[in-house]
Structures are given as C-alpha cells and as structure tokens.
Amino acid sequence: MERWDRVGRRAAYGAALALLPYLLIKVSWVVGSLMGLLPVGHGFGMAEWVVLNTVTVGMAAIGIASALALVRPWGMRIPGAPVVFCVWVGSGFLVSILPFGVLGALLDAGGGSPGEAGNPADPAMPVWEGVLLQFGFLGMGLGLTLAVPAYLRRRWPASFAGRVGDGPRTALPWAAVVGAAVGLCWLYWAAGGTVGIAHPAQRVTDWYVLGAVSGFWALACSAAVGIITRARPARLPRAVPLMFGWVGSGSLFAWSGWKLPVTLYLAWADPVGARPPEHLAVAVVLHLCAVVAGAAMLRTLVRSHRRQDSS
C-alpha cells in the first residue's frame, strides 16, 4: 500500500472519530430541549431549535458515514455518485471552517471580537462543549483533506493522471463566470464595502473572515474550471486545478445551500434579534447563484474526467 494511501485511510478514521462528539452533543441538545432539561438557544423558539439541531444531527451522521466510506471496503463497492456527492458537500463545508477557525481565533485574540454575535460559543454553552464542537469541525476538515484525494485516486486513478493540456479545449462555462462574480461580491464585503449592506453594525469579525474565505474559494474554483476547460497552461499537472475546482465548487454549493433557506426564513418570519448585515434580497440572489454555479462546476469537472478517460 502506498504511503499516501495509508495516510488517507488513517485520516478517514480520524475524521469520523473527530465528528462523533459533535453528533452526541447535538443529540443531547435535541433530547434535552424536548424534555425540558436544557435551555433553547438564544433567539430560537422550541420548534426552530429542535428542527435546526435535528438537521445538523443528520448532517453529522452522513459525514461520519461518508468518512468511513472512504476507508472501508464497502466504500469501493457502493455507487460512486452518492459517495462523491456527500464528501463533496462535506469538503465544501469544512474547507472554509479550517481557515475560518484559525483566523477568527487569531483576530479575536488580538482584540477582535470577543463575545460577538456569530460566535459559536453561546453564553449558556459550557466551555467544554464549545471546544468539542470546534474540534469536531477542525478534525473532520483535516481528515477529509487527506482522505478524499486518497479515495478518489484509488477509485478513479486516470482522472488525476497527466497534465491540463492532455484534454480537449472547450468554451469557458458560464458557471465559472457566475462563481467569480459571487466571489468578488463576498470579497468586496470582506474588504469593508457597504453596497448591499443593510445593517453595517452587525458586521463582526467572524462575518468578515468567513466572507473572505468563501470569496477566495469561489474565485479559486472558477479559475480552476477555466484552466481545465481552456487546457491552459498545458504543463500544469491536472491534479492541481481538479483539487481547487472540487473544493471550491463544494464550498459554493454547501455554504450557500445552507444559508439560502436560512435567509429566506429570516425574510419571511423576521424574527426578533436576527439581523444579518446583508440586505436579504441581495443575499438570496447571491446564495442562489452560488448554489447553481457550484453544482454546474462540479458537472463540468465530472464531464472533463469522462472526456479524459475516453481520450
């Protein structure tokens, strides 16, 4: 077994193990709230709190199963599409969490935003729970970073072979243009731009950092898809733009797929104390464009893989 394959297998087990405390904590929140043993989160009603955390329980369970599919023998026997989709979405979520957690902690340590809105550590949450939740995200993200490429190389080795110029040249897809436009908007806000901002006072450190990270990945995947479809530069190893295209398109789809229904709910229900910085109509349009562009770029990457195999 190759060294890289061994590392990927260990990382997959580590990712599943890291996310297990998150799953157990979320289950305890749902059960405890329903039984009246634990408080409902600030700004939520009982039904909203239970639904939100039940969804995250399901996501965590799928994440653990997906990590195990990357390393267990049955993961090579089941259809590739559901495995690819789940790890694509999971990678998209977690690739933004890693730099977000590191940069957010550094900025807050330097006097950035202790106790700000958006901080995952709710005042009612014990410190150890917050630490375990962050550990679950970071551990899963690091694990998938190593495990997913190893799995993909085992299952579809031809997709990562060769160089960009080996494939056919096609027109720049519209999804890459849309993804780049969305990324530029997020970076504009992260740099302090105010167009499209309805509540400037609600912009906190975490919001700036996540916007900058999301904007970077949107531009990175758009550039990667452009490189693959235009077959330039020809000497670049094919694995490089594939990696950035895979991760970036997953980040676009996953994060905006999560934020879109939340934003629509805020626009419809207008709950007290929940005011995102962005104008809700602008946010809905950007998230919708990001979801569609992310899915379309994944389709472009898959089709380029098939063309590569047939050439």
Protein backbone atom coordinates (compact mmCIF):
# COMPACT_ATOMS: atom_id res chain seq x y z
CA MET A 1 0.00 0.00 0.00
CA GLU A 2 1.37 3.42 -0.92
CA ARG A 3 2.33 5.79 1.85
CA TRP A 4 -0.22 8.38 0.69
CA ASP A 5 -2.94 5.75 0.73
CA ARG A 6 -2.04 4.74 4.30
CA VAL A 7 -2.18 8.36 5.42
CA GLY A 8 -5.56 8.81 3.74
CA ARG A 9 -7.00 5.73 5.44
CA ARG A 10 -5.89 6.87 8.88
CA ALA A 11 -7.22 10.34 8.20
CA ALA A 12 -10.64 8.93 7.29
CA TYR A 13 -10.89 7.09 10.61
CA GLY A 14 -9.70 10.22 12.40
CA ALA A 15 -12.33 12.35 10.67
CA ALA A 16 -15.15 10.01 11.69
CA LEU A 17 -13.89 9.85 15.27
CA ALA A 18 -13.47 13.65 15.49
CA LEU A 19 -17.08 14.30 14.45
CA LEU A 20 -18.57 11.78 16.88
CA PRO A 21 -18.60 14.18 19.90
CA TYR A 22 -20.39 16.78 17.75
CA LEU A 23 -23.08 14.24 16.89
CA LEU A 24 -23.57 13.22 20.52
CA ILE A 25 -23.74 16.83 21.73
CA LYS A 26 -26.34 17.75 19.11
CA VAL A 27 -28.44 14.70 20.01
CA SER A 28 -28.28 15.72 23.67
CA TRP A 29 -29.44 19.24 22.77
CA VAL A 30 -32.48 17.92 20.91
CA VAL A 31 -33.45 15.38 23.58
CA GLY A 32 -32.67 17.72 26.46
CA SER A 33 -34.72 20.57 24.98
CA LEU A 34 -37.72 18.33 24.33
CA MET A 35 -37.58 17.02 27.91
CA GLY A 36 -37.10 20.48 29.40
CA LEU A 37 -33.68 19.64 30.77
CA LEU A 38 -31.67 22.02 28.57
CA PRO A 39 -32.42 25.61 27.51
CA VAL A 40 -33.38 26.57 23.98
CA GLY A 41 -30.76 28.60 22.14
CA HIS A 42 -30.97 32.38 22.30
CA GLY A 43 -33.28 33.82 19.64
CA PHE A 44 -34.95 30.47 18.84
CA GLY A 45 -38.33 29.01 19.59
CA MET A 46 -38.61 25.38 20.66
CA ALA A 47 -39.69 24.13 17.22
CA GLU A 48 -36.99 26.12 15.41
CA TRP A 49 -34.29 24.93 17.81
CA VAL A 50 -35.28 21.26 17.52
CA VAL A 51 -35.57 21.37 13.71
CA LEU A 52 -32.21 23.14 13.29
CA ASN A 53 -30.35 20.72 15.53
CA THR A 54 -32.11 17.67 14.09
CA VAL A 55 -30.87 18.74 10.66
CA THR A 56 -27.31 19.08 11.99
CA VAL A 57 -27.60 15.63 13.62
CA GLY A 58 -28.47 14.18 10.23
CA MET A 59 -25.60 16.06 8.58
CA ALA A 60 -23.14 14.79 11.20
CA ALA A 61 -24.35 11.21 10.77
CA ILE A 62 -23.94 11.47 6.99
CA GLY A 63 -20.49 12.98 7.49
CA ILE A 64 -19.35 10.08 9.69
CA ALA A 65 -20.75 7.51 7.27
CA SER A 66 -19.07 9.28 4.35
CA ALA A 67 -15.71 9.31 6.13
CA LEU A 68 -15.99 5.58 6.79
CA ALA A 69 -16.94 5.00 3.14
CA LEU A 70 -13.58 6.49 2.17
CA VAL A 71 -11.68 3.77 4.01
CA ARG A 72 -13.87 0.68 4.41
CA PRO A 73 -14.05 -1.94 1.61
CA TRP A 74 -17.80 -1.36 1.12
CA GLY A 75 -16.99 2.22 0.15
CA MET A 76 -15.43 0.94 -3.06
CA ARG A 77 -18.41 -1.29 -3.87
CA ILE A 78 -21.29 1.14 -3.48
CA PRO A 79 -22.17 3.50 -6.36
CA GLY A 80 -19.67 6.32 -6.66
CA ALA A 81 -22.20 9.14 -7.14
CA PRO A 82 -23.62 9.28 -3.57
CA VAL A 83 -20.16 8.96 -2.02
CA VAL A 84 -18.76 11.71 -4.24
CA PHE A 85 -21.71 14.00 -3.56
CA CYS A 86 -21.56 13.58 0.23
CA VAL A 87 -17.80 14.08 0.52
CA TRP A 88 -18.00 16.99 -1.97
CA VAL A 89 -20.57 18.78 0.21
CA GLY A 90 -18.70 17.87 3.39
CA SER A 91 -15.40 19.10 2.00
CA GLY A 92 -17.10 22.30 0.88
CA PHE A 93 -18.39 22.97 4.38
CA LEU A 94 -15.22 22.13 6.20
CA VAL A 95 -12.61 23.68 3.92
CA SER A 96 -13.95 27.07 4.94
CA ILE A 97 -14.13 26.11 8.62
CA LEU A 98 -10.38 25.43 8.87
CA PRO A 99 -9.04 28.89 7.96
CA PHE A 100 -12.15 30.49 9.49
CA GLY A 101 -11.41 28.89 12.85
CA VAL A 102 -7.71 29.73 12.78
CA LEU A 103 -8.03 33.31 11.51
CA GLY A 104 -11.05 34.04 13.71
CA ALA A 105 -9.18 32.86 16.80
CA LEU A 106 -6.10 34.93 15.91
CA LEU A 107 -8.12 38.08 15.26
CA ASP A 108 -10.16 37.67 18.43
CA ALA A 109 -7.01 37.03 20.44
CA GLY A 110 -5.72 40.34 19.15
CA GLY A 111 -8.77 42.19 20.41
CA GLY A 112 -11.03 41.40 17.51
CA SER A 113 -14.46 40.39 18.73
CA PRO A 114 -14.81 38.55 21.99
CA GLY A 115 -18.41 37.64 22.62
CA GLU A 116 -19.65 38.88 19.26
CA ALA A 117 -22.78 37.65 17.57
CA GLY A 118 -21.99 34.67 15.40
CA ASN A 119 -19.56 33.27 17.91
CA PRO A 120 -20.38 29.57 18.25
CA ALA A 121 -19.82 29.74 21.99
CA ASP A 122 -23.23 30.72 23.33
CA PRO A 123 -23.05 32.16 26.87
CA ALA A 124 -25.25 29.25 28.06
CA MET A 125 -22.94 26.67 26.47
CA PRO A 126 -20.27 25.09 28.69
CA VAL A 127 -16.75 25.79 27.52
CA TRP A 128 -16.01 22.10 27.02
CA GLU A 129 -18.94 21.75 24.63
CA GLY A 130 -17.70 24.65 22.53
CA VAL A 131 -14.22 23.12 22.43
CA LEU A 132 -15.58 19.73 21.32
CA LEU A 133 -17.75 21.31 18.63
CA GLN A 134 -14.78 23.20 17.21
CA PHE A 135 -12.60 20.08 17.47
CA GLY A 136 -15.20 18.11 15.51
CA PHE A 137 -15.23 20.62 12.66
CA LEU A 138 -11.47 21.04 12.51
CA GLY A 139 -10.76 17.31 12.86
CA MET A 140 -13.27 16.38 10.17
CA GLY A 141 -11.92 19.07 7.85
CA LEU A 142 -8.30 17.99 8.25
CA GLY A 143 -9.25 14.34 7.90
CA LEU A 144 -11.19 14.84 4.69
CA THR A 145 -8.38 16.97 3.27
CA LEU A 146 -6.17 13.87 3.32
CA ALA A 147 -8.73 11.08 2.94
CA VAL A 148 -10.76 12.32 -0.02
CA PRO A 149 -7.86 12.62 -2.53
CA ALA A 150 -6.59 9.18 -1.50
CA TYR A 151 -10.03 7.63 -2.07
CA LEU A 152 -10.54 9.35 -5.42
CA ARG A 153 -7.11 8.25 -6.61
CA ARG A 154 -7.89 4.65 -5.67
CA ARG A 155 -11.29 4.64 -7.38
CA TRP A 156 -10.61 6.81 -10.45
CA PRO A 157 -6.81 6.92 -10.92
CA ALA A 158 -6.97 8.06 -14.56
CA SER A 159 -8.70 11.32 -13.61
CA PHE A 160 -5.63 12.61 -11.77
CA ALA A 161 -3.05 11.46 -14.31
CA GLY A 162 -1.45 13.62 -16.96
CA ARG A 163 -1.46 17.36 -17.46
CA VAL A 164 -4.02 20.00 -18.27
CA GLY A 165 -3.06 20.18 -21.94
CA ASP A 166 -3.79 16.48 -22.46
CA GLY A 167 -7.56 17.09 -22.51
CA PRO A 168 -9.69 18.80 -25.16
CA ARG A 169 -10.18 22.55 -25.12
CA THR A 170 -13.76 23.79 -24.63
CA ALA A 171 -15.52 27.11 -24.08
CA LEU A 172 -15.33 28.78 -20.68
CA PRO A 173 -18.50 27.65 -18.85
CA TRP A 174 -20.96 30.27 -17.63
CA ALA A 175 -20.79 28.78 -14.13
CA ALA A 176 -17.17 29.88 -13.77
CA VAL A 177 -18.14 33.46 -14.62
CA VAL A 178 -21.06 33.42 -12.17
CA GLY A 179 -18.90 31.88 -9.43
CA ALA A 180 -16.22 34.53 -9.93
CA ALA A 181 -18.82 37.31 -9.73
CA VAL A 182 -20.20 35.92 -6.47
CA GLY A 183 -16.70 35.60 -5.05
CA LEU A 184 -15.85 39.19 -5.93
CA CYS A 185 -19.01 40.37 -4.15
CA TRP A 186 -18.07 38.48 -0.99
CA LEU A 187 -14.51 39.78 -1.08
CA TYR A 188 -15.84 43.31 -1.59
CA TRP A 189 -17.90 42.98 1.58
CA ALA A 190 -14.99 41.40 3.45
CA ALA A 191 -12.84 44.39 2.48
CA GLY A 192 -15.39 46.75 4.04
CA GLY A 193 -17.66 47.54 1.08
CA THR A 194 -21.10 48.82 2.01
CA VAL A 195 -23.17 48.39 -1.18
CA GLY A 196 -25.78 45.72 -0.46
CA ILE A 197 -25.27 46.02 3.32
CA ALA A 198 -28.45 46.82 5.26
CA HIS A 199 -27.13 46.66 8.84
CA PRO A 200 -23.45 47.70 8.96
CA ALA A 201 -23.31 47.45 12.77
CA GLN A 202 -23.94 43.69 12.56
CA ARG A 203 -20.69 43.06 10.69
CA VAL A 204 -18.43 41.20 13.14
CA THR A 205 -15.03 39.59 12.86
CA ASP A 206 -16.39 36.13 12.09
CA TRP A 207 -18.57 37.54 9.31
CA TYR A 208 -15.59 39.27 7.67
CA VAL A 209 -13.36 36.21 7.91
CA LEU A 210 -15.94 33.77 6.54
CA GLY A 211 -16.76 36.17 3.71
CA ALA A 212 -13.09 36.45 2.76
CA VAL A 213 -12.55 32.69 2.87
CA SER A 214 -15.71 31.99 0.85
CA GLY A 215 -14.78 34.63 -1.70
CA PHE A 216 -11.31 33.13 -2.11
CA TRP A 217 -12.67 29.65 -2.79
CA ALA A 218 -15.26 31.00 -5.22
CA LEU A 219 -12.52 32.66 -7.28
CA ALA A 220 -10.19 29.68 -6.93
CA CYS A 221 -12.71 27.15 -8.26
CA SER A 222 -13.76 29.46 -11.08
CA ALA A 223 -10.14 29.82 -12.14
CA ALA A 224 -9.57 26.06 -11.84
CA VAL A 225 -12.57 25.23 -14.02
CA GLY A 226 -11.38 27.81 -16.53
CA ILE A 227 -7.91 26.22 -16.62
CA ILE A 228 -9.33 22.74 -17.21
CA THR A 229 -11.80 23.76 -19.92
CA ARG A 230 -9.33 26.03 -21.73
CA ALA A 231 -6.49 23.47 -21.37
CA ARG A 232 -4.03 26.18 -20.36
CA PRO A 233 -1.32 26.18 -19.06
CA ALA A 234 -0.62 22.87 -20.76
CA ARG A 235 2.24 21.75 -18.49
CA LEU A 236 0.30 22.14 -15.21
CA PRO A 237 -0.42 18.77 -13.50
CA ARG A 238 -4.10 18.01 -13.88
CA ALA A 239 -4.49 17.16 -10.17
CA VAL A 240 -3.88 20.80 -9.14
CA PRO A 241 -6.89 22.51 -10.80
CA LEU A 242 -9.03 19.44 -10.08
CA MET A 243 -8.35 19.84 -6.36
CA PHE A 244 -9.15 23.56 -6.31
CA GLY A 245 -12.19 23.08 -8.53
CA TRP A 246 -13.51 20.25 -6.38
CA VAL A 247 -13.08 22.04 -3.05
CA GLY A 248 -14.16 25.47 -4.24
CA SER A 249 -17.31 24.33 -6.03
CA GLY A 250 -18.24 22.31 -2.94
CA SER A 251 -17.76 25.38 -0.76
CA LEU A 252 -20.03 27.44 -3.02
CA PHE A 253 -22.74 24.81 -3.06
CA ALA A 254 -22.59 23.73 0.58
CA TRP A 255 -22.40 27.07 2.37
CA SER A 256 -24.90 28.87 0.18
CA GLY A 257 -27.14 25.80 0.17
CA TRP A 258 -27.19 26.11 3.96
CA LYS A 259 -27.56 29.88 4.08
CA LEU A 260 -30.22 30.20 1.37
CA PRO A 261 -33.10 28.63 3.34
CA VAL A 262 -31.97 30.44 6.49
CA THR A 263 -32.01 33.76 4.65
CA LEU A 264 -35.42 33.02 3.14
CA TYR A 265 -36.73 32.21 6.62
CA LEU A 266 -35.36 35.48 8.01
CA ALA A 267 -37.00 37.40 5.18
CA TRP A 268 -40.34 35.65 5.77
CA ALA A 269 -40.52 35.44 9.58
CA ASP A 270 -38.41 38.49 10.55
CA PRO A 271 -37.52 37.03 13.98
CA VAL A 272 -36.53 39.45 16.72
CA GLY A 273 -32.77 39.81 17.20
CA ALA A 274 -31.81 38.09 13.91
CA ARG A 275 -30.48 40.75 11.57
CA PRO A 276 -27.72 39.70 9.17
CA PRO A 277 -25.58 42.51 7.78
CA GLU A 278 -26.56 41.90 4.15
CA HIS A 279 -29.74 43.13 2.54
CA LEU A 280 -31.84 39.97 2.49
CA ALA A 281 -32.84 40.22 -1.18
CA VAL A 282 -29.20 40.65 -2.24
CA ALA A 283 -28.12 37.74 -0.04
CA VAL A 284 -30.81 35.47 -1.52
CA VAL A 285 -29.69 36.25 -5.07
CA LEU A 286 -26.01 35.66 -4.25
CA HIS A 287 -26.67 32.37 -2.45
CA LEU A 288 -28.91 31.13 -5.25
CA CYS A 289 -26.26 31.97 -7.85
CA ALA A 290 -23.60 30.26 -5.72
CA VAL A 291 -25.61 27.04 -5.36
CA VAL A 292 -26.33 26.84 -9.09
CA ALA A 293 -22.77 27.75 -10.09
CA GLY A 294 -21.22 25.27 -7.65
CA ALA A 295 -23.37 22.40 -8.93
CA ALA A 296 -22.71 23.33 -12.55
CA MET A 297 -18.94 23.48 -12.00
CA LEU A 298 -18.97 20.03 -10.42
CA ARG A 299 -20.79 18.78 -13.51
CA THR A 300 -18.11 20.37 -15.69
CA LEU A 301 -15.36 18.65 -13.69
CA VAL A 302 -17.10 15.27 -13.95
CA ARG A 303 -17.60 15.66 -17.69
CA SER A 304 -13.95 16.64 -18.15
CA HIS A 305 -12.99 13.46 -16.26
CA ARG A 306 -15.08 11.38 -18.66
CA ARG A 307 -13.56 13.08 -21.70
CA GLN A 308 -10.11 12.45 -20.25
CA ASP A 309 -10.84 8.75 -19.80
CA SER A 310 -12.16 8.39 -23.36
CA SER A 311 -9.26 10.27 -25.00
